[in-house]
Amino acid sequence: MKQNVEKRNPQGIIDYLALALTTWGVGYLPLMPGTFGSMVGVLIYFGVVWFDISVGVQFVTAGYTPDQITALIWASNSILLITFIIIGIWASGRTIGILGNTDPSEAVVDEVLGVLITLLFIPQGAGWIYILAGFGLFRLFDIWKPYPIDSLQSLPAGVGVCADDIVAGVYAGMCLSIGYAITILV
């Protein structure tokens, strides 16, 4: 539930950093800031996949087994995602007063997180069709907001900004992984 709050001006570098992390620059674009934020999430996903491939190649040359490399990549990606969620909650909570709303449309860090969570449910390199399907499924759940997604927006501060999209990402990811499993089994 969006509620207006007393608006304040950014004060110092920390506020500007929080604004940058909350909006990713695309939050100020007209019409569909959530969709643009979701696109940023897909771009970050591609960057992570590229990085994981680069690191994986170096681990192969160092003599690690494929199972060891997979475990290291999954562990590092999990730590990265949890860190990003914590930073996103902090940044969006800090900018509520600056943007003047408890769930400002300029805040797209929640959409970025939701897409990243959605795409975590399929193997890296699964293909464009699954990435596009994940993007579409996330946007569907983000807009539709089935139970309990809508009620999570009433949580305080940055948790309220991000929690609904995190759960939408989990819902979309579950649907995506079921679809992926069906297509590889058929």
Protein backbone atom coordinates (compact mmCIF):
# COMPACT_ATOMS: atom_id res chain seq x y z
CA MET A 1 0.00 0.00 0.00
CA LYS A 2 1.45 3.27 -1.11
CA GLN A 3 1.32 6.07 1.41
CA ASN A 4 2.78 9.51 1.05
CA VAL A 5 5.36 10.50 3.65
CA GLU A 6 7.02 13.77 4.43
CA LYS A 7 9.50 14.41 1.66
CA ARG A 8 13.07 15.45 2.41
CA ASN A 9 16.05 16.40 0.27
CA PRO A 10 19.01 14.03 -0.08
CA GLN A 11 21.70 14.86 2.46
CA GLY A 12 25.16 13.71 1.53
CA ILE A 13 26.81 10.98 -0.46
CA ILE A 14 25.09 8.12 1.41
CA ASP A 15 21.63 9.37 0.38
CA TYR A 16 22.75 9.73 -3.25
CA LEU A 17 24.26 6.23 -3.18
CA ALA A 18 21.00 4.87 -1.73
CA LEU A 19 19.04 6.66 -4.49
CA ALA A 20 21.32 5.21 -7.18
CA LEU A 21 20.93 1.69 -5.79
CA THR A 22 17.17 2.08 -5.37
CA THR A 23 16.41 3.55 -8.80
CA TRP A 24 19.24 2.14 -10.93
CA GLY A 25 18.70 5.30 -12.99
CA VAL A 26 15.75 3.70 -14.81
CA GLY A 27 13.30 4.31 -11.97
CA TYR A 28 12.88 7.86 -13.22
CA LEU A 29 11.84 6.79 -16.72
CA PRO A 30 8.16 7.42 -17.49
CA LEU A 31 5.38 4.85 -17.93
CA MET A 32 6.97 1.52 -16.94
CA PRO A 33 9.76 1.93 -14.38
CA GLY A 34 9.10 -1.57 -12.95
CA THR A 35 9.56 -3.16 -16.37
CA PHE A 36 12.76 -1.19 -16.94
CA GLY A 37 13.99 -2.29 -13.50
CA SER A 38 13.24 -5.89 -14.42
CA MET A 39 15.33 -5.43 -17.58
CA VAL A 40 18.21 -4.23 -15.39
CA GLY A 41 17.84 -7.47 -13.43
CA VAL A 42 18.19 -9.48 -16.65
CA LEU A 43 21.33 -7.52 -17.58
CA ILE A 44 22.82 -8.18 -14.15
CA TYR A 45 21.96 -11.88 -14.59
CA PHE A 46 23.92 -11.92 -17.87
CA GLY A 47 26.86 -10.27 -16.11
CA VAL A 48 26.81 -12.87 -13.33
CA VAL A 49 26.62 -15.72 -15.86
CA TRP A 50 29.57 -14.25 -17.79
CA PHE A 51 31.56 -13.87 -14.58
CA ASP A 52 30.72 -17.42 -13.47
CA ILE A 53 31.87 -18.81 -16.81
CA SER A 54 35.12 -16.83 -16.61
CA VAL A 55 35.78 -18.01 -13.06
CA GLY A 56 34.80 -21.58 -13.94
CA VAL A 57 37.36 -21.69 -16.73
CA GLN A 58 40.07 -20.53 -14.34
CA PHE A 59 39.05 -23.19 -11.78
CA VAL A 60 39.23 -25.88 -14.48
CA THR A 61 42.78 -24.86 -15.33
CA ALA A 62 43.60 -24.93 -11.61
CA GLY A 63 42.51 -28.58 -11.44
CA TYR A 64 39.13 -28.31 -9.68
CA THR A 65 36.47 -30.90 -10.56
CA PRO A 66 33.18 -29.85 -12.20
CA ASP A 67 31.31 -30.63 -8.96
CA GLN A 68 33.68 -28.43 -6.95
CA ILE A 69 33.33 -25.59 -9.45
CA THR A 70 29.53 -25.86 -9.41
CA ALA A 71 29.49 -25.79 -5.60
CA LEU A 72 31.77 -22.74 -5.49
CA ILE A 73 29.68 -20.87 -8.07
CA TRP A 74 26.37 -21.67 -6.31
CA ALA A 75 27.80 -20.65 -2.95
CA SER A 76 29.23 -17.38 -4.27
CA ASN A 77 26.03 -16.53 -6.17
CA SER A 78 23.93 -17.22 -3.06
CA ILE A 79 26.14 -14.94 -0.95
CA LEU A 80 25.98 -12.29 -3.68
CA LEU A 81 22.17 -12.47 -3.85
CA ILE A 82 21.71 -12.30 -0.08
CA THR A 83 24.11 -9.34 0.07
CA PHE A 84 22.22 -7.63 -2.73
CA ILE A 85 18.88 -8.21 -0.96
CA ILE A 86 20.23 -6.67 2.26
CA ILE A 87 21.66 -3.68 0.38
CA GLY A 88 18.41 -3.28 -1.60
CA ILE A 89 16.29 -3.28 1.57
CA TRP A 90 18.62 -0.75 3.20
CA ALA A 91 18.75 1.54 0.15
CA SER A 92 15.01 1.48 -0.54
CA GLY A 93 14.25 2.10 3.15
CA ARG A 94 16.62 5.06 3.22
CA THR A 95 15.06 6.64 0.13
CA ILE A 96 11.40 6.44 1.20
CA GLY A 97 11.60 9.94 2.70
CA ILE A 98 13.57 11.30 -0.25
CA LEU A 99 11.04 9.96 -2.78
CA GLY A 100 8.07 10.87 -0.56
CA ASN A 101 6.25 7.54 -0.63
CA THR A 102 6.35 4.21 1.27
CA ASP A 103 6.46 2.33 -2.07
CA PRO A 104 7.72 4.84 -4.63
CA SER A 105 7.40 3.95 -8.31
CA GLU A 106 10.98 5.20 -8.80
CA ALA A 107 12.23 2.38 -6.57
CA VAL A 108 13.09 -0.49 -8.92
CA VAL A 109 15.66 -2.35 -6.83
CA ASP A 110 12.82 -4.65 -5.79
CA GLU A 111 12.15 -5.57 -9.44
CA VAL A 112 15.86 -6.17 -10.00
CA LEU A 113 15.90 -8.53 -7.01
CA GLY A 114 12.71 -10.29 -8.12
CA VAL A 115 14.06 -11.08 -11.59
CA LEU A 116 17.37 -12.31 -10.19
CA ILE A 117 15.52 -14.61 -7.81
CA THR A 118 13.28 -15.87 -10.63
CA LEU A 119 16.24 -16.74 -12.86
CA LEU A 120 17.97 -18.52 -9.99
CA PHE A 121 15.43 -21.34 -10.45
CA ILE A 122 16.84 -22.44 -13.83
CA PRO A 123 20.34 -23.60 -14.76
CA GLN A 124 22.68 -20.98 -16.14
CA GLY A 125 22.76 -21.24 -19.90
CA ALA A 126 19.21 -22.63 -20.09
CA GLY A 127 18.52 -20.39 -23.08
CA TRP A 128 16.85 -17.16 -24.11
CA ILE A 129 13.35 -18.60 -24.09
CA TYR A 130 13.61 -19.38 -20.37
CA ILE A 131 15.06 -15.97 -19.56
CA LEU A 132 12.21 -14.28 -21.45
CA ALA A 133 9.68 -16.60 -19.78
CA GLY A 134 11.18 -15.79 -16.37
CA PHE A 135 10.99 -12.08 -17.12
CA GLY A 136 7.35 -12.40 -18.18
CA LEU A 137 6.37 -14.61 -15.25
CA PHE A 138 7.97 -12.23 -12.78
CA ARG A 139 6.17 -9.22 -14.27
CA LEU A 140 2.89 -11.19 -14.15
CA PHE A 141 3.26 -12.04 -10.45
CA ASP A 142 4.56 -8.54 -9.64
CA ILE A 143 1.48 -6.93 -11.20
CA TRP A 144 -1.09 -9.57 -10.19
CA LYS A 145 0.19 -9.85 -6.59
CA PRO A 146 -1.53 -13.09 -5.47
CA TYR A 147 -1.65 -13.92 -1.77
CA PRO A 148 0.38 -13.00 0.28
CA ILE A 149 2.32 -10.71 -2.05
CA ASP A 150 -0.01 -7.71 -1.82
CA SER A 151 -0.08 -7.73 1.98
CA LEU A 152 3.74 -7.72 2.19
CA GLN A 153 3.83 -4.13 0.94
CA SER A 154 2.56 -2.99 4.34
CA LEU A 155 5.74 -4.17 6.07
CA PRO A 156 7.90 -1.32 7.37
CA ALA A 157 10.45 0.65 5.35
CA GLY A 158 12.67 -1.14 2.83
CA VAL A 159 11.32 -4.55 3.76
CA GLY A 160 7.88 -3.41 2.58
CA VAL A 161 9.36 -2.11 -0.67
CA CYS A 162 11.25 -5.33 -1.46
CA ALA A 163 9.38 -8.23 0.19
CA ASP A 164 6.49 -8.37 -2.29
CA ASP A 165 8.86 -8.58 -5.27
CA ILE A 166 11.05 -11.15 -3.54
CA VAL A 167 8.02 -13.43 -3.08
CA ALA A 168 6.82 -12.66 -6.63
CA GLY A 169 10.27 -13.78 -7.78
CA VAL A 170 9.94 -17.03 -5.85
CA TYR A 171 6.45 -17.69 -7.32
CA ALA A 172 7.69 -16.91 -10.84
CA GLY A 173 10.82 -19.01 -10.31
CA MET A 174 8.78 -22.02 -9.18
CA CYS A 175 6.59 -21.77 -12.29
CA LEU A 176 9.66 -21.31 -14.47
CA SER A 177 11.43 -24.34 -12.99
CA ILE A 178 8.33 -26.50 -13.49
CA GLY A 179 8.12 -25.33 -17.10
CA TYR A 180 11.84 -26.00 -17.59
CA ALA A 181 11.54 -29.49 -16.10
CA ILE A 182 8.57 -30.34 -18.32
CA THR A 183 10.35 -29.16 -21.48
CA ILE A 184 13.55 -31.11 -20.81
CA LEU A 185 11.61 -34.26 -19.88
CA VAL A 186 9.45 -34.22 -23.02
